[in-house]
Amino acid sequence: MLRRGALHGLCAGAVGVAAMTAGEKAEQALTGRPDSHVPGRTFRRMPGAAMPRRGANLAMHVGQGVLLGAVRGIMADSGLRGPWASSMFAVVRLTNDQIAENATGTGAPPWTWPRSELVIDLLHKAVYAFATGLVADRLAARDAPGLRHARLRRGRQPDVGPV
């Protein structure tokens, strides 16, 4: 279940990061806010990272989104689905960002940010978490343990436990 969930999540994370990026670009077109280069600086400061300046931002942005999607996929395949699970996952995404940024010295705790920047970041991470969750939940529902039981024996069976 973990392997299947992680694979579902990698796919879901790719969709989530694409949705987040599209939302960021639309927001930037409206607000005039420039691109953030914190992800690239964070990536270049990680131990063992040999990444040139060009491409580091995109690599960190996409890589983090896809890899963290594995967590949401495992959540979905374990039965943690829907808006509550996506809300929980949004916190995981934000925590991951903050650990990486603060451990490398490229970021600051969110409560020190200007409120407008904090709201924008929370909004974009929520788009990522809910888009990732929607895809992960749908992939998990295609072959959930309950569906496997239903194929074997119709109706509720008190003597059949989870697979």
N, C-alpha and C. Protein backbone atom coordinates (compact mmCIF):
# COMPACT_ATOMS: atom_id res chain seq x y z
N MET A 1 0.82 -1.19 0.00
CA MET A 1 0.00 0.00 0.00
C MET A 1 0.87 1.26 0.00
N LEU A 2 1.97 1.25 0.73
CA LEU A 2 2.83 2.43 0.79
C LEU A 2 3.44 2.76 -0.56
N ARG A 3 3.91 1.74 -1.26
CA ARG A 3 4.53 1.97 -2.57
C ARG A 3 3.50 2.52 -3.55
N ARG A 4 2.33 1.90 -3.59
CA ARG A 4 1.28 2.36 -4.51
C ARG A 4 0.86 3.78 -4.15
N GLY A 5 0.69 4.04 -2.86
CA GLY A 5 0.32 5.38 -2.41
C GLY A 5 1.37 6.42 -2.78
N ALA A 6 2.64 6.07 -2.60
CA ALA A 6 3.71 7.00 -2.95
C ALA A 6 3.72 7.30 -4.45
N LEU A 7 3.52 6.28 -5.26
CA LEU A 7 3.46 6.50 -6.71
C LEU A 7 2.27 7.36 -7.10
N HIS A 8 1.11 7.06 -6.50
CA HIS A 8 -0.05 7.92 -6.75
C HIS A 8 0.27 9.36 -6.36
N GLY A 9 0.93 9.51 -5.22
CA GLY A 9 1.26 10.84 -4.72
C GLY A 9 2.25 11.60 -5.59
N LEU A 10 3.21 10.90 -6.17
CA LEU A 10 4.16 11.59 -7.06
C LEU A 10 3.41 12.19 -8.25
N CYS A 11 2.48 11.43 -8.80
CA CYS A 11 1.66 11.94 -9.91
C CYS A 11 0.80 13.11 -9.43
N ALA A 12 0.17 12.93 -8.27
CA ALA A 12 -0.68 13.98 -7.72
C ALA A 12 0.13 15.24 -7.41
N GLY A 13 1.34 15.06 -6.88
CA GLY A 13 2.20 16.20 -6.58
C GLY A 13 2.58 16.98 -7.82
N ALA A 14 2.79 16.28 -8.94
CA ALA A 14 3.10 16.97 -10.20
C ALA A 14 1.93 17.83 -10.63
N VAL A 15 0.72 17.31 -10.49
CA VAL A 15 -0.47 18.10 -10.84
C VAL A 15 -0.61 19.27 -9.86
N GLY A 16 -0.39 19.01 -8.59
CA GLY A 16 -0.50 20.06 -7.58
C GLY A 16 0.48 21.20 -7.80
N VAL A 17 1.72 20.86 -8.13
CA VAL A 17 2.72 21.92 -8.35
C VAL A 17 2.40 22.69 -9.64
N ALA A 18 1.83 22.02 -10.63
CA ALA A 18 1.41 22.73 -11.85
C ALA A 18 0.27 23.70 -11.54
N ALA A 19 -0.68 23.26 -10.72
CA ALA A 19 -1.79 24.14 -10.33
C ALA A 19 -1.28 25.33 -9.51
N MET A 20 -0.38 25.07 -8.58
CA MET A 20 0.17 26.14 -7.77
C MET A 20 0.94 27.14 -8.63
N THR A 21 1.73 26.65 -9.56
CA THR A 21 2.52 27.52 -10.43
C THR A 21 1.61 28.37 -11.31
N ALA A 22 0.56 27.77 -11.85
CA ALA A 22 -0.39 28.54 -12.67
C ALA A 22 -1.05 29.62 -11.83
N GLY A 23 -1.43 29.28 -10.60
CA GLY A 23 -2.02 30.27 -9.71
C GLY A 23 -1.06 31.38 -9.37
N GLU A 24 0.20 31.02 -9.13
CA GLU A 24 1.22 32.05 -8.83
C GLU A 24 1.40 33.00 -10.00
N LYS A 25 1.47 32.44 -11.19
CA LYS A 25 1.67 33.29 -12.38
C LYS A 25 0.48 34.22 -12.59
N ALA A 26 -0.73 33.72 -12.37
CA ALA A 26 -1.92 34.56 -12.50
C ALA A 26 -1.91 35.66 -11.44
N GLU A 27 -1.58 35.30 -10.21
CA GLU A 27 -1.51 36.29 -9.12
C GLU A 27 -0.44 37.34 -9.41
N GLN A 28 0.71 36.91 -9.91
CA GLN A 28 1.79 37.85 -10.22
C GLN A 28 1.40 38.80 -11.34
N ALA A 29 0.65 38.31 -12.31
CA ALA A 29 0.19 39.17 -13.40
C ALA A 29 -0.76 40.26 -12.86
N LEU A 30 -1.56 39.90 -11.86
CA LEU A 30 -2.50 40.87 -11.27
C LEU A 30 -1.83 41.84 -10.32
N THR A 31 -0.90 41.32 -9.49
CA THR A 31 -0.31 42.14 -8.43
C THR A 31 1.02 42.79 -8.81
N GLY A 32 1.68 42.25 -9.83
CA GLY A 32 3.00 42.75 -10.18
C GLY A 32 4.10 42.23 -9.27
N ARG A 33 3.78 41.28 -8.41
CA ARG A 33 4.78 40.71 -7.51
C ARG A 33 5.81 39.93 -8.31
N PRO A 34 7.11 40.14 -8.04
CA PRO A 34 8.15 39.40 -8.78
C PRO A 34 8.27 37.96 -8.28
N ASP A 35 8.98 37.14 -9.05
CA ASP A 35 9.26 35.77 -8.64
C ASP A 35 10.07 35.76 -7.35
N SER A 36 9.83 34.76 -6.53
CA SER A 36 10.64 34.56 -5.34
C SER A 36 11.84 33.69 -5.72
N HIS A 37 12.99 34.04 -5.21
CA HIS A 37 14.19 33.24 -5.47
C HIS A 37 14.65 32.48 -4.23
N VAL A 38 13.81 32.49 -3.20
CA VAL A 38 14.12 31.76 -1.97
C VAL A 38 14.26 30.26 -2.22
N PRO A 39 13.37 29.63 -3.02
CA PRO A 39 13.55 28.19 -3.24
C PRO A 39 14.92 27.84 -3.84
N GLY A 40 15.36 28.62 -4.81
CA GLY A 40 16.65 28.36 -5.43
C GLY A 40 17.81 28.56 -4.48
N ARG A 41 17.76 29.64 -3.69
CA ARG A 41 18.82 29.88 -2.71
C ARG A 41 18.84 28.77 -1.66
N THR A 42 17.65 28.31 -1.27
CA THR A 42 17.56 27.23 -0.29
C THR A 42 18.20 25.96 -0.85
N PHE A 43 17.86 25.64 -2.08
CA PHE A 43 18.37 24.42 -2.71
C PHE A 43 19.89 24.47 -2.83
N ARG A 44 20.43 25.61 -3.24
CA ARG A 44 21.88 25.72 -3.41
C ARG A 44 22.63 25.64 -2.09
N ARG A 45 21.97 25.97 -0.99
CA ARG A 45 22.62 25.92 0.33
C ARG A 45 22.49 24.57 1.02
N MET A 46 21.75 23.65 0.44
CA MET A 46 21.60 22.33 1.07
C MET A 46 22.89 21.54 0.96
N PRO A 47 23.20 20.78 1.99
CA PRO A 47 24.42 19.97 1.94
C PRO A 47 24.43 19.03 0.74
N GLY A 48 25.53 19.03 0.01
CA GLY A 48 25.68 18.14 -1.13
C GLY A 48 25.05 18.65 -2.42
N ALA A 49 24.39 19.79 -2.37
CA ALA A 49 23.75 20.32 -3.57
C ALA A 49 24.80 21.00 -4.44
N ALA A 50 24.91 20.54 -5.66
CA ALA A 50 25.82 21.16 -6.62
C ALA A 50 24.98 21.65 -7.79
N MET A 51 24.21 22.69 -7.53
CA MET A 51 23.26 23.19 -8.52
C MET A 51 23.67 24.59 -8.93
N PRO A 52 23.82 24.82 -10.21
CA PRO A 52 24.13 26.18 -10.65
C PRO A 52 22.95 27.10 -10.35
N ARG A 53 23.21 28.37 -10.32
CA ARG A 53 22.17 29.36 -10.01
C ARG A 53 20.99 29.23 -10.97
N ARG A 54 21.28 29.09 -12.24
CA ARG A 54 20.22 28.96 -13.25
C ARG A 54 19.56 27.58 -13.12
N GLY A 55 18.28 27.56 -12.92
CA GLY A 55 17.54 26.32 -12.82
C GLY A 55 17.30 25.83 -11.40
N ALA A 56 18.01 26.39 -10.42
CA ALA A 56 17.86 25.93 -9.03
C ALA A 56 16.46 26.24 -8.51
N ASN A 57 15.93 27.40 -8.85
CA ASN A 57 14.61 27.80 -8.36
C ASN A 57 13.54 26.83 -8.84
N LEU A 58 13.55 26.56 -10.13
CA LEU A 58 12.56 25.65 -10.72
C LEU A 58 12.75 24.23 -10.19
N ALA A 59 13.99 23.79 -10.06
CA ALA A 59 14.26 22.44 -9.56
C ALA A 59 13.71 22.26 -8.15
N MET A 60 13.92 23.25 -7.30
CA MET A 60 13.44 23.15 -5.92
C MET A 60 11.92 23.24 -5.87
N HIS A 61 11.35 24.16 -6.63
CA HIS A 61 9.91 24.38 -6.66
C HIS A 61 9.17 23.11 -7.12
N VAL A 62 9.60 22.57 -8.24
CA VAL A 62 8.94 21.39 -8.80
C VAL A 62 9.31 20.14 -8.00
N GLY A 63 10.59 19.99 -7.69
CA GLY A 63 11.04 18.80 -6.97
C GLY A 63 10.36 18.63 -5.63
N GLN A 64 10.28 19.71 -4.88
CA GLN A 64 9.63 19.67 -3.58
C GLN A 64 8.16 19.31 -3.72
N GLY A 65 7.49 19.91 -4.68
CA GLY A 65 6.06 19.64 -4.87
C GLY A 65 5.79 18.20 -5.28
N VAL A 66 6.58 17.68 -6.17
CA VAL A 66 6.37 16.30 -6.62
C VAL A 66 6.71 15.33 -5.50
N LEU A 67 7.86 15.50 -4.86
CA LEU A 67 8.26 14.56 -3.81
C LEU A 67 7.32 14.58 -2.60
N LEU A 68 6.88 15.75 -2.20
CA LEU A 68 5.95 15.81 -1.07
C LEU A 68 4.60 15.22 -1.41
N GLY A 69 4.27 15.20 -2.70
CA GLY A 69 3.03 14.56 -3.12
C GLY A 69 2.97 13.11 -2.69
N ALA A 70 4.12 12.47 -2.56
CA ALA A 70 4.14 11.07 -2.12
C ALA A 70 3.49 10.92 -0.75
N VAL A 71 3.68 11.89 0.11
CA VAL A 71 3.06 11.85 1.44
C VAL A 71 1.54 11.89 1.30
N ARG A 72 1.04 12.77 0.44
CA ARG A 72 -0.42 12.88 0.27
C ARG A 72 -0.99 11.61 -0.38
N GLY A 73 -0.23 11.00 -1.27
CA GLY A 73 -0.68 9.76 -1.88
C GLY A 73 -0.78 8.64 -0.86
N ILE A 74 0.19 8.56 0.03
CA ILE A 74 0.15 7.55 1.10
C ILE A 74 -1.03 7.83 2.03
N MET A 75 -1.27 9.10 2.31
CA MET A 75 -2.43 9.46 3.13
C MET A 75 -3.71 8.95 2.48
N ALA A 76 -3.87 9.23 1.18
CA ALA A 76 -5.10 8.84 0.47
C ALA A 76 -5.26 7.32 0.42
N ASP A 77 -4.18 6.62 0.12
CA ASP A 77 -4.27 5.16 0.05
C ASP A 77 -4.48 4.53 1.43
N SER A 78 -4.17 5.28 2.49
CA SER A 78 -4.40 4.80 3.85
C SER A 78 -5.78 5.16 4.36
N GLY A 79 -6.56 5.83 3.53
CA GLY A 79 -7.92 6.19 3.92
C GLY A 79 -8.08 7.62 4.40
N LEU A 80 -7.01 8.40 4.43
CA LEU A 80 -7.10 9.82 4.82
C LEU A 80 -7.35 10.63 3.55
N ARG A 81 -8.62 10.94 3.31
CA ARG A 81 -9.01 11.61 2.07
C ARG A 81 -9.92 12.79 2.36
N GLY A 82 -10.11 13.59 1.33
CA GLY A 82 -11.05 14.69 1.41
C GLY A 82 -10.42 15.98 1.91
N PRO A 83 -11.28 16.99 2.14
CA PRO A 83 -10.79 18.31 2.54
C PRO A 83 -10.00 18.32 3.85
N TRP A 84 -10.41 17.51 4.82
CA TRP A 84 -9.65 17.47 6.07
C TRP A 84 -8.22 16.98 5.83
N ALA A 85 -8.09 15.94 5.04
CA ALA A 85 -6.76 15.40 4.75
C ALA A 85 -5.93 16.42 3.97
N SER A 86 -6.55 17.12 3.03
CA SER A 86 -5.82 18.13 2.27
C SER A 86 -5.40 19.29 3.16
N SER A 87 -6.24 19.64 4.14
CA SER A 87 -5.86 20.70 5.09
C SER A 87 -4.66 20.26 5.93
N MET A 88 -4.69 19.00 6.36
CA MET A 88 -3.55 18.47 7.12
C MET A 88 -2.29 18.51 6.25
N PHE A 89 -2.44 18.17 4.99
CA PHE A 89 -1.30 18.14 4.07
C PHE A 89 -0.76 19.54 3.80
N ALA A 90 -1.63 20.55 3.78
CA ALA A 90 -1.16 21.92 3.58
C ALA A 90 -0.19 22.31 4.68
N VAL A 91 -0.46 21.87 5.90
CA VAL A 91 0.43 22.15 7.02
C VAL A 91 1.77 21.43 6.82
N VAL A 92 1.72 20.20 6.30
CA VAL A 92 2.95 19.46 6.01
C VAL A 92 3.79 20.22 4.99
N ARG A 93 3.14 20.71 3.94
CA ARG A 93 3.86 21.45 2.89
C ARG A 93 4.50 22.72 3.45
N LEU A 94 3.75 23.47 4.23
CA LEU A 94 4.28 24.70 4.82
C LEU A 94 5.43 24.40 5.78
N THR A 95 5.27 23.35 6.57
CA THR A 95 6.32 22.98 7.52
C THR A 95 7.59 22.56 6.79
N ASN A 96 7.45 21.80 5.72
CA ASN A 96 8.60 21.38 4.94
C ASN A 96 9.36 22.60 4.40
N ASP A 97 8.63 23.55 3.84
CA ASP A 97 9.27 24.77 3.34
C ASP A 97 10.03 25.49 4.44
N GLN A 98 9.38 25.65 5.59
CA GLN A 98 9.99 26.41 6.67
C GLN A 98 11.22 25.72 7.25
N ILE A 99 11.17 24.42 7.36
CA ILE A 99 12.35 23.69 7.85
C ILE A 99 13.52 23.91 6.91
N ALA A 100 13.29 23.71 5.62
CA ALA A 100 14.39 23.86 4.64
C ALA A 100 14.92 25.29 4.61
N GLU A 101 14.02 26.25 4.55
CA GLU A 101 14.45 27.65 4.44
C GLU A 101 15.15 28.14 5.69
N ASN A 102 14.63 27.80 6.86
CA ASN A 102 15.24 28.28 8.09
C ASN A 102 16.52 27.53 8.44
N ALA A 103 16.57 26.24 8.12
CA ALA A 103 17.79 25.46 8.40
C ALA A 103 18.96 25.92 7.53
N THR A 104 18.66 26.41 6.33
CA THR A 104 19.73 26.86 5.44
C THR A 104 20.00 28.37 5.57
N GLY A 105 19.21 29.05 6.38
CA GLY A 105 19.41 30.48 6.58
C GLY A 105 18.87 31.35 5.48
N THR A 106 18.02 30.82 4.63
CA THR A 106 17.48 31.63 3.53
C THR A 106 16.09 32.17 3.82
N GLY A 107 15.48 31.73 4.90
CA GLY A 107 14.13 32.17 5.21
C GLY A 107 14.03 32.70 6.63
N ALA A 108 12.82 33.08 6.96
CA ALA A 108 12.52 33.57 8.31
C ALA A 108 11.18 32.95 8.72
N PRO A 109 10.94 32.81 10.02
CA PRO A 109 9.67 32.26 10.46
C PRO A 109 8.49 33.07 9.90
N PRO A 110 7.41 32.40 9.52
CA PRO A 110 6.28 33.09 8.88
C PRO A 110 5.69 34.23 9.71
N TRP A 111 5.72 34.14 11.03
CA TRP A 111 5.13 35.19 11.83
C TRP A 111 5.91 36.49 11.79
N THR A 112 7.11 36.45 11.16
CA THR A 112 7.89 37.67 11.00
C THR A 112 7.68 38.31 9.62
N TRP A 113 6.96 37.65 8.74
CA TRP A 113 6.75 38.16 7.39
C TRP A 113 5.71 39.27 7.37
N PRO A 114 5.78 40.12 6.34
CA PRO A 114 4.67 41.06 6.13
C PRO A 114 3.39 40.25 5.87
N ARG A 115 2.29 40.69 6.44
CA ARG A 115 1.04 39.94 6.35
C ARG A 115 0.62 39.66 4.90
N SER A 116 0.84 40.62 4.01
CA SER A 116 0.44 40.40 2.61
C SER A 116 1.21 39.24 1.99
N GLU A 117 2.50 39.12 2.28
CA GLU A 117 3.30 38.01 1.75
C GLU A 117 2.86 36.68 2.36
N LEU A 118 2.54 36.70 3.64
CA LEU A 118 2.10 35.49 4.33
C LEU A 118 0.79 34.98 3.73
N VAL A 119 -0.16 35.87 3.50
CA VAL A 119 -1.45 35.47 2.93
C VAL A 119 -1.27 34.88 1.54
N ILE A 120 -0.44 35.51 0.73
CA ILE A 120 -0.19 35.00 -0.62
C ILE A 120 0.45 33.62 -0.57
N ASP A 121 1.44 33.44 0.30
CA ASP A 121 2.10 32.13 0.40
C ASP A 121 1.12 31.06 0.88
N LEU A 122 0.33 31.37 1.88
CA LEU A 122 -0.66 30.41 2.39
C LEU A 122 -1.67 30.04 1.31
N LEU A 123 -2.09 31.01 0.54
CA LEU A 123 -3.05 30.75 -0.54
C LEU A 123 -2.45 29.81 -1.59
N HIS A 124 -1.24 30.08 -2.02
CA HIS A 124 -0.61 29.23 -3.04
C HIS A 124 -0.36 27.81 -2.51
N LYS A 125 0.05 27.69 -1.25
CA LYS A 125 0.28 26.36 -0.69
C LYS A 125 -1.04 25.61 -0.53
N ALA A 126 -2.12 26.33 -0.24
CA ALA A 126 -3.43 25.68 -0.14
C ALA A 126 -3.87 25.17 -1.51
N VAL A 127 -3.64 25.95 -2.56
CA VAL A 127 -3.96 25.49 -3.92
C VAL A 127 -3.20 24.21 -4.22
N TYR A 128 -1.92 24.19 -3.90
CA TYR A 128 -1.10 23.00 -4.11
C TYR A 128 -1.67 21.81 -3.34
N ALA A 129 -1.94 22.01 -2.04
CA ALA A 129 -2.39 20.90 -1.18
C ALA A 129 -3.73 20.33 -1.64
N PHE A 130 -4.66 21.20 -2.02
CA PHE A 130 -5.98 20.71 -2.41
C PHE A 130 -5.97 20.11 -3.81
N ALA A 131 -5.18 20.65 -4.72
CA ALA A 131 -5.07 20.04 -6.06
C ALA A 131 -4.39 18.67 -5.96
N THR A 132 -3.33 18.61 -5.18
CA THR A 132 -2.64 17.34 -4.96
C THR A 132 -3.58 16.33 -4.31
N GLY A 133 -4.32 16.78 -3.33
CA GLY A 133 -5.26 15.91 -2.62
C GLY A 133 -6.36 15.39 -3.53
N LEU A 134 -6.89 16.24 -4.37
CA LEU A 134 -7.96 15.81 -5.28
C LEU A 134 -7.49 14.67 -6.17
N VAL A 135 -6.31 14.82 -6.74
CA VAL A 135 -5.77 13.78 -7.62
C VAL A 135 -5.42 12.52 -6.82
N ALA A 136 -4.76 12.68 -5.69
CA ALA A 136 -4.39 11.52 -4.87
C ALA A 136 -5.63 10.75 -4.42
N ASP A 137 -6.66 11.47 -4.02
CA ASP A 137 -7.89 10.82 -3.57
C ASP A 137 -8.55 10.04 -4.70
N ARG A 138 -8.56 10.62 -5.88
CA ARG A 138 -9.18 9.92 -7.02
C ARG A 138 -8.38 8.68 -7.40
N LEU A 139 -7.06 8.78 -7.40
CA LEU A 139 -6.24 7.62 -7.73
C LEU A 139 -6.41 6.51 -6.68
N ALA A 140 -6.47 6.89 -5.42
CA ALA A 140 -6.63 5.90 -4.36
C ALA A 140 -8.00 5.23 -4.43
N ALA A 141 -9.02 5.98 -4.79
CA ALA A 141 -10.38 5.45 -4.82
C ALA A 141 -10.57 4.40 -5.92
N ARG A 142 -9.72 4.41 -6.91
CA ARG A 142 -9.85 3.44 -8.01
C ARG A 142 -9.61 2.01 -7.54
N ASP A 143 -8.76 1.85 -6.53
CA ASP A 143 -8.43 0.49 -6.07
C ASP A 143 -8.28 0.48 -4.55
N ALA A 144 -9.27 1.05 -3.88
CA ALA A 144 -9.21 1.10 -2.42
C ALA A 144 -9.46 -0.28 -1.83
N PRO A 145 -8.98 -0.54 -0.61
CA PRO A 145 -9.21 -1.85 0.01
C PRO A 145 -10.68 -2.24 0.04
N GLY A 146 -11.57 -1.30 0.31
CA GLY A 146 -13.00 -1.60 0.34
C GLY A 146 -13.51 -2.08 -1.01
N LEU A 147 -12.99 -1.52 -2.08
CA LEU A 147 -13.42 -1.95 -3.41
C LEU A 147 -12.96 -3.37 -3.69
N ARG A 148 -11.78 -3.75 -3.22
CA ARG A 148 -11.31 -5.11 -3.42
C ARG A 148 -12.21 -6.11 -2.70
N HIS A 149 -12.64 -5.75 -1.50
CA HIS A 149 -13.56 -6.62 -0.77
C HIS A 149 -14.89 -6.74 -1.51
N ALA A 150 -15.39 -5.64 -2.01
CA ALA A 150 -16.69 -5.65 -2.69
C ALA A 150 -16.65 -6.55 -3.93
N ARG A 151 -15.51 -6.61 -4.58
CA ARG A 151 -15.40 -7.47 -5.75
C ARG A 151 -15.45 -8.95 -5.36
N LEU A 152 -14.93 -9.25 -4.19
CA LEU A 152 -14.90 -10.64 -3.73
C LEU A 152 -16.27 -11.11 -3.22
N ARG A 153 -16.91 -10.28 -2.41
CA ARG A 153 -18.20 -10.67 -1.81
C ARG A 153 -19.09 -9.44 -1.74
N ARG A 154 -20.29 -9.55 -2.28
CA ARG A 154 -21.23 -8.42 -2.28
C ARG A 154 -21.74 -8.12 -0.87
N GLY A 155 -22.01 -6.85 -0.63
CA GLY A 155 -22.59 -6.42 0.64
C GLY A 155 -21.57 -6.35 1.76
N ARG A 156 -22.04 -5.91 2.91
CA ARG A 156 -21.15 -5.82 4.08
C ARG A 156 -20.95 -7.21 4.67
N GLN A 157 -19.72 -7.52 4.97
CA GLN A 157 -19.38 -8.83 5.50
C GLN A 157 -18.66 -8.64 6.84
N PRO A 158 -19.29 -9.04 7.94
CA PRO A 158 -18.66 -8.84 9.25
C PRO A 158 -17.40 -9.69 9.44
N ASP A 159 -17.24 -10.74 8.67
CA ASP A 159 -16.09 -11.62 8.85
C ASP A 159 -14.96 -11.31 7.89
N VAL A 160 -15.04 -10.21 7.13
CA VAL A 160 -14.00 -9.84 6.18
C VAL A 160 -13.34 -8.56 6.68
N GLY A 161 -12.07 -8.65 7.01
CA GLY A 161 -11.34 -7.48 7.50
C GLY A 161 -10.64 -6.74 6.37
N PRO A 162 -9.97 -5.67 6.71
CA PRO A 162 -9.26 -4.90 5.69
C PRO A 162 -8.13 -5.71 5.06
N VAL A 163 -7.83 -5.39 3.82
CA VAL A 163 -6.76 -6.09 3.10
C VAL A 163 -5.44 -5.48 3.51
